[in-house]
């Protein structure tokens, strides 16, 4: 019963958070300078005042701001994200077309950073315990990766691996004119994935190393050694179970940050995802698409945080006990 109350409270908070993000982003976008109707009319070469006013009415921009907000929230409640007048299609279709590319980029970056980071963090902790030089190499290497801005690293990787060495493609998701090829998709994915995952890889290494070292010094670990348990069993069964709790919590935060960090990476590599779509929509004042992108990203971020709460509760049932938290 306590668990049901705990997760129900988390879901309610998640829903309120998504609504708050929608309201705030709607107000900020609407208050930004620039009129989409004027922009569309200018690109069409039309300067007729009556045509521009009719276009504003069609786009719903002639109504008061509060009324526009209420209409938009009502449409969202009916799963209607609106219509893109620039692209002449529904916002849902545009987002559905771009979402798989963003999820592929986020998923690959998450797997690379978390799996490799946790592995290297455990190796560094064990090396530290044995006073081995490997700990210094991994720790200083992680610090170097952490100091590299992802945007700068992305440009550097393009210059090195695409321009100088010509090993990997620099832009897009697949080679133009070529039939679907998994190997070709993976080659295009490699550089964006590494650029997005490097910062989080460094954080995983340091966090896992610190958590494992802290767990190794606990009383239950010394008791396990005194019982004659194998060191590997102590590490993987007893130590990692407790040490991974803060790592899992960080993983949930990372997934949210990946959703926002993917924007810069998609722009640099012309990756056809939601981030690139939102960037183009911002320049074009395509409010419907921009708001749809905000909605999807906020749902991803909040959803990942709720999932993190669930996993942490499974790892440690004491979390949220009594319906608190």
Protein backbone atom coordinates (compact mmCIF):
# COMPACT_ATOMS: atom_id res chain seq x y z
CA UNK A 1 0.00 0.00 0.00
CA UNK A 2 2.80 2.41 0.88
CA UNK A 3 4.47 1.66 -2.44
CA UNK A 4 1.26 2.41 -4.36
CA UNK A 5 0.86 5.75 -2.58
CA UNK A 6 4.51 6.56 -3.21
CA UNK A 7 4.36 5.94 -6.95
CA UNK A 8 0.93 7.57 -7.29
CA UNK A 9 2.35 10.72 -5.72
CA UNK A 10 5.30 10.60 -8.10
CA UNK A 11 2.98 10.31 -11.13
CA UNK A 12 0.85 13.25 -9.98
CA UNK A 13 3.96 15.39 -9.48
CA UNK A 14 5.24 14.32 -12.90
CA UNK A 15 1.98 15.37 -14.57
CA UNK A 16 2.01 18.74 -12.81
CA UNK A 17 5.62 19.24 -13.86
CA UNK A 18 4.82 18.60 -17.52
CA UNK A 19 1.91 21.07 -17.38
CA UNK A 20 4.15 23.68 -15.73
CA UNK A 21 6.78 23.26 -18.44
CA UNK A 22 4.13 23.60 -21.13
CA UNK A 23 2.71 26.80 -19.64
CA UNK A 24 6.12 28.39 -19.09
CA UNK A 25 7.43 27.50 -22.55
CA UNK A 26 4.20 28.70 -24.18
CA UNK A 27 4.43 32.09 -22.47
CA UNK A 28 8.13 32.51 -23.23
CA UNK A 29 7.67 31.64 -26.90
CA UNK A 30 4.64 33.91 -27.32
CA UNK A 31 6.39 36.83 -25.61
CA UNK A 32 9.47 36.48 -27.84
CA UNK A 33 9.84 39.09 -30.60
CA UNK A 34 8.72 38.17 -34.10
CA UNK A 35 5.40 37.41 -35.77
CA UNK A 36 5.06 34.06 -37.58
CA UNK A 37 2.32 35.48 -39.82
CA UNK A 38 4.55 38.33 -40.97
CA UNK A 39 7.41 35.91 -41.56
CA UNK A 40 5.30 33.57 -43.67
CA UNK A 41 3.80 36.45 -45.64
CA UNK A 42 7.22 37.96 -46.24
CA UNK A 43 8.63 34.70 -47.55
CA UNK A 44 5.61 34.40 -49.86
CA UNK A 45 6.24 37.93 -51.14
CA UNK A 46 2.89 39.22 -49.87
CA UNK A 47 2.58 42.49 -47.96
CA UNK A 48 -1.21 42.84 -47.99
CA UNK A 49 -2.44 43.81 -44.52
CA UNK A 50 -5.74 41.96 -44.92
CA UNK A 51 -3.94 38.75 -45.95
CA UNK A 52 -1.60 38.97 -42.96
CA UNK A 53 -4.52 39.53 -40.58
CA UNK A 54 -6.37 36.58 -42.06
CA UNK A 55 -3.26 34.46 -41.63
CA UNK A 56 -2.99 35.50 -38.00
CA UNK A 57 -6.61 34.51 -37.44
CA UNK A 58 -6.01 31.13 -39.06
CA UNK A 59 -3.01 30.55 -36.78
CA UNK A 60 -4.96 31.70 -33.72
CA UNK A 61 -2.61 34.62 -33.02
CA UNK A 62 -5.37 37.24 -32.97
CA UNK A 63 -6.81 36.04 -29.66
CA UNK A 64 -5.66 37.23 -26.20
CA UNK A 65 -2.65 35.42 -24.78
CA UNK A 66 -4.57 33.71 -21.96
CA UNK A 67 -7.20 32.47 -24.39
CA UNK A 68 -4.48 31.10 -26.68
CA UNK A 69 -2.97 29.25 -23.72
CA UNK A 70 -6.29 27.71 -22.67
CA UNK A 71 -7.04 26.62 -26.24
CA UNK A 72 -3.60 25.07 -26.55
CA UNK A 73 -3.89 23.16 -23.26
CA UNK A 74 -7.33 21.95 -24.30
CA UNK A 75 -5.92 20.67 -27.59
CA UNK A 76 -3.09 18.91 -25.74
CA UNK A 77 -5.66 17.21 -23.50
CA UNK A 78 -7.20 15.80 -26.69
CA UNK A 79 -3.73 14.75 -27.97
CA UNK A 80 -3.77 17.43 -30.65
CA UNK A 81 -0.40 19.16 -31.00
CA UNK A 82 -1.59 21.46 -33.74
CA UNK A 83 -0.66 22.10 -37.35
CA UNK A 84 2.58 23.35 -38.92
CA UNK A 85 1.61 25.92 -41.53
CA UNK A 86 5.17 26.16 -42.76
CA UNK A 87 5.51 22.42 -43.38
CA UNK A 88 1.83 21.95 -44.28
CA UNK A 89 1.44 18.92 -42.05
CA UNK A 90 0.48 18.05 -38.49
CA UNK A 91 2.98 18.53 -35.68
CA UNK A 92 2.44 14.90 -34.63
CA UNK A 93 3.68 13.62 -38.00
CA UNK A 94 6.81 15.79 -37.89
CA UNK A 95 7.69 14.71 -34.34
CA UNK A 96 6.92 11.04 -35.04
CA UNK A 97 9.28 11.22 -38.00
CA UNK A 98 12.13 12.72 -35.96
CA UNK A 99 11.65 10.99 -32.59
CA UNK A 100 13.33 7.65 -33.51
CA UNK A 101 16.54 9.45 -34.48
CA UNK A 102 16.66 11.33 -31.16
CA UNK A 103 15.93 8.19 -29.15
CA UNK A 104 18.64 6.28 -31.03
CA UNK A 105 21.17 9.02 -30.25
CA UNK A 106 20.15 9.29 -26.59
CA UNK A 107 19.98 5.52 -26.09
CA UNK A 108 23.39 4.84 -27.60
CA UNK A 109 25.01 7.69 -25.63
CA UNK A 110 23.40 6.44 -22.42
CA UNK A 111 24.58 2.85 -22.93
CA UNK A 112 28.13 3.89 -23.85
CA UNK A 113 28.54 6.35 -20.96
CA UNK A 114 26.87 4.24 -18.26
CA UNK A 115 28.27 0.81 -19.08
CA UNK A 116 31.78 2.02 -19.85
CA UNK A 117 31.75 4.56 -17.01
CA UNK A 118 30.62 2.09 -14.35
CA UNK A 119 33.12 -0.51 -15.56
CA UNK A 120 36.03 1.92 -15.49
CA UNK A 121 34.88 3.30 -12.13
CA UNK A 122 34.91 -0.17 -10.57
CA UNK A 123 38.35 -0.87 -12.07
CA UNK A 124 39.66 2.43 -10.70
CA UNK A 125 38.28 1.67 -7.21
CA UNK A 126 39.85 -1.79 -7.16
CA UNK A 127 43.13 -0.33 -8.41
CA UNK A 128 42.97 2.33 -5.70
CA UNK A 129 42.49 -0.37 -3.08
CA UNK A 130 45.58 -2.17 -4.38
CA UNK A 131 47.52 1.11 -4.86
CA UNK A 132 47.89 0.34 -8.56
CA UNK A 133 48.83 2.95 -11.19
CA UNK A 134 45.69 2.16 -13.20
CA UNK A 135 43.63 4.25 -10.78
CA UNK A 136 45.59 7.37 -11.62
CA UNK A 137 45.31 6.79 -15.37
CA UNK A 138 41.52 6.30 -15.24
CA UNK A 139 40.89 9.16 -12.80
CA UNK A 140 43.01 11.71 -14.65
CA UNK A 141 41.63 10.56 -17.99
CA UNK A 142 38.09 11.10 -16.70
CA UNK A 143 39.04 14.56 -15.45
CA UNK A 144 40.40 15.40 -18.92
CA UNK A 145 37.16 14.25 -20.56
CA UNK A 146 35.09 16.26 -18.10
CA UNK A 147 37.03 19.43 -18.97
CA UNK A 148 36.15 19.15 -22.68
CA UNK A 149 33.02 21.09 -23.74
CA UNK A 150 30.80 18.76 -25.83
CA UNK A 151 30.30 21.37 -28.57
CA UNK A 152 34.05 21.95 -28.92
CA UNK A 153 34.75 18.22 -28.79
CA UNK A 154 32.18 17.59 -31.54
CA UNK A 155 33.90 20.08 -33.85
CA UNK A 156 37.30 18.62 -33.03
CA UNK A 157 36.12 15.08 -33.78
CA UNK A 158 34.71 16.22 -37.13
CA UNK A 159 38.03 17.81 -38.07
CA UNK A 160 40.00 14.74 -37.01
CA UNK A 161 37.92 11.74 -38.02
CA UNK A 162 35.95 13.20 -40.93
CA UNK A 163 38.09 15.91 -42.52
CA UNK A 164 41.66 14.79 -41.82
CA UNK A 165 41.39 10.99 -41.65
CA UNK A 166 38.15 10.55 -43.65
CA UNK A 167 37.18 7.58 -41.48
CA UNK A 168 33.65 8.56 -40.45
CA UNK A 169 30.87 10.69 -41.98
CA UNK A 170 30.39 14.09 -40.37
CA UNK A 171 26.77 14.87 -41.12
CA UNK A 172 23.37 13.23 -41.39
CA UNK A 173 22.00 9.87 -40.35
CA UNK A 174 22.69 7.88 -43.52
CA UNK A 175 24.45 8.22 -46.85
CA UNK A 176 22.22 9.98 -49.40
CA UNK A 177 21.06 7.70 -52.21
CA UNK A 178 22.09 4.48 -50.49
CA UNK A 179 19.64 1.76 -49.49
CA UNK A 180 19.15 1.09 -45.79
CA UNK A 181 22.32 -0.29 -44.23
CA UNK A 182 22.77 -0.91 -40.51
CA UNK A 183 26.54 -0.51 -40.80
CA UNK A 184 26.11 2.83 -42.57
CA UNK A 185 23.72 4.04 -39.84
CA UNK A 186 26.17 2.98 -37.12
CA UNK A 187 29.03 4.83 -38.83
CA UNK A 188 26.94 8.01 -38.92
CA UNK A 189 25.88 7.49 -35.28
CA UNK A 190 29.37 6.96 -33.84
CA UNK A 191 30.62 10.57 -33.72
CA UNK A 192 27.38 12.12 -32.37
CA UNK A 193 27.13 9.35 -29.79
CA UNK A 194 30.69 9.87 -28.54
CA UNK A 195 30.28 13.66 -28.46
CA UNK A 196 27.14 13.37 -26.35
CA UNK A 197 28.39 10.66 -23.99
CA UNK A 198 31.92 11.88 -23.11
CA UNK A 199 30.88 14.29 -20.36
CA UNK A 200 28.61 11.75 -18.68
CA UNK A 201 31.24 9.03 -19.07
CA UNK A 202 33.62 11.07 -16.91
CA UNK A 203 30.92 11.66 -14.29
CA UNK A 204 30.04 7.96 -14.15
CA UNK A 205 33.69 7.06 -13.61
CA UNK A 206 34.15 9.43 -10.67
CA UNK A 207 30.77 8.67 -9.12
CA UNK A 208 31.17 4.89 -9.36
CA UNK A 209 34.74 5.02 -8.09
CA UNK A 210 33.73 7.08 -5.03
CA UNK A 211 30.66 4.95 -4.30
CA UNK A 212 32.57 1.65 -4.54
CA UNK A 213 35.42 2.92 -2.37
CA UNK A 214 32.90 4.09 0.24
CA UNK A 215 31.10 0.73 0.18
CA UNK A 216 34.35 -1.23 0.47
CA UNK A 217 35.04 0.49 3.78
CA UNK A 218 31.71 -0.46 5.34
CA UNK A 219 31.31 -2.93 8.21
CA UNK A 220 29.27 -5.46 6.21
CA UNK A 221 32.12 -5.80 3.69
CA UNK A 222 34.61 -6.57 6.44
CA UNK A 223 32.13 -9.09 7.86
CA UNK A 224 31.81 -10.74 4.46
CA UNK A 225 35.61 -11.00 4.21
CA UNK A 226 35.73 -12.51 7.70
CA UNK A 227 33.23 -15.16 6.63
CA UNK A 228 35.60 -16.21 3.87
CA UNK A 229 33.46 -15.13 0.89
CA UNK A 230 35.21 -14.80 -2.45
CA UNK A 231 36.32 -11.21 -3.21
CA UNK A 232 34.44 -11.20 -6.53
CA UNK A 233 31.23 -12.31 -4.82
CA UNK A 234 31.66 -9.58 -2.22
CA UNK A 235 32.20 -7.00 -4.96
CA UNK A 236 29.38 -7.95 -7.31
CA UNK A 237 26.76 -9.12 -4.77
CA UNK A 238 27.30 -6.93 -1.71
CA UNK A 239 29.30 -3.86 -2.75
CA UNK A 240 27.76 -3.02 -6.12
CA UNK A 241 24.20 -3.42 -4.85
CA UNK A 242 24.72 -0.54 -2.43
CA UNK A 243 27.21 1.44 -4.52
CA UNK A 244 24.96 1.51 -7.60
CA UNK A 245 22.13 3.34 -5.85
CA UNK A 246 23.63 6.84 -6.36
CA UNK A 247 24.74 5.76 -9.84
CA UNK A 248 21.17 4.81 -10.76
CA UNK A 249 19.93 8.13 -9.41
CA UNK A 250 22.48 9.95 -11.56
CA UNK A 251 21.48 7.82 -14.55
CA UNK A 252 17.94 9.15 -14.32
CA UNK A 253 19.24 12.72 -14.20
CA UNK A 254 21.56 11.96 -17.12
CA UNK A 255 18.70 10.79 -19.30
CA UNK A 256 17.00 14.12 -18.75
CA UNK A 257 20.18 16.02 -19.53
CA UNK A 258 20.74 13.88 -22.63
CA UNK A 259 17.38 15.03 -23.99
CA UNK A 260 18.48 18.66 -23.77
CA UNK A 261 22.14 18.02 -24.64
CA UNK A 262 21.12 16.26 -27.83
CA UNK A 263 20.03 19.65 -29.23
CA UNK A 264 23.57 20.94 -29.68
CA UNK A 265 24.87 17.63 -30.98
CA UNK A 266 22.05 17.31 -33.51
CA UNK A 267 22.72 20.82 -34.77
CA UNK A 268 26.46 20.23 -35.16
CA UNK A 269 26.09 16.89 -36.95
CA UNK A 270 22.85 17.75 -38.81
CA UNK A 271 21.29 14.75 -37.07
CA UNK A 272 17.62 14.57 -38.11
CA UNK A 273 16.12 14.43 -34.63
CA UNK A 274 13.77 16.52 -32.52
CA UNK A 275 16.58 18.85 -31.42
CA UNK A 276 17.38 19.77 -35.00
CA UNK A 277 13.66 20.15 -35.74
CA UNK A 278 13.24 22.53 -32.80
CA UNK A 279 16.29 24.54 -33.86
CA UNK A 280 14.87 25.02 -37.35
CA UNK A 281 11.41 25.78 -35.96
CA UNK A 282 12.82 28.48 -33.69
CA UNK A 283 14.47 30.23 -36.63
CA UNK A 284 11.24 29.94 -38.64
CA UNK A 285 8.92 31.00 -35.77
CA UNK A 286 7.00 27.75 -36.19
CA UNK A 287 5.39 27.86 -32.75
CA UNK A 288 3.36 24.65 -33.07
CA UNK A 289 6.37 22.48 -33.85
CA UNK A 290 8.49 24.20 -31.21
CA UNK A 291 5.85 23.63 -28.53
CA UNK A 292 5.42 20.02 -29.62
CA UNK A 293 9.14 19.49 -29.22
CA UNK A 294 9.05 21.01 -25.74
CA UNK A 295 6.18 18.69 -24.81
CA UNK A 296 7.97 15.54 -25.99
CA UNK A 297 11.25 16.46 -24.31
CA UNK A 298 9.52 17.36 -21.03
CA UNK A 299 7.66 14.03 -21.07
CA UNK A 300 10.94 12.20 -21.71
CA UNK A 301 12.75 14.04 -18.90
CA UNK A 302 9.96 13.62 -16.34
CA UNK A 303 9.31 10.03 -17.40
CA UNK A 304 12.97 9.11 -16.96
CA UNK A 305 12.94 10.67 -13.48
CA UNK A 306 9.87 8.63 -12.48
CA UNK A 307 11.53 5.50 -13.84
CA UNK A 308 14.61 6.31 -11.76
CA UNK A 309 12.43 6.56 -8.63
CA UNK A 310 10.96 3.14 -9.39
CA UNK A 311 14.36 1.51 -9.85
CA UNK A 312 15.78 3.16 -6.71
CA UNK A 313 12.75 1.98 -4.73
CA UNK A 314 13.35 -1.58 -5.98
CA UNK A 315 17.03 -1.39 -5.01
CA UNK A 316 16.26 0.11 -1.61
CA UNK A 317 12.67 -0.36 -0.33
CA UNK A 318 13.35 2.09 2.48
CA UNK A 319 13.08 4.95 -0.06
CA UNK A 320 9.68 6.58 0.24
CA UNK A 321 8.65 4.34 3.12
CA UNK A 322 5.35 5.33 4.60
CA UNK A 323 4.34 7.12 1.42
CA UNK A 324 6.81 9.93 2.01
CA UNK A 325 9.14 11.50 -0.55
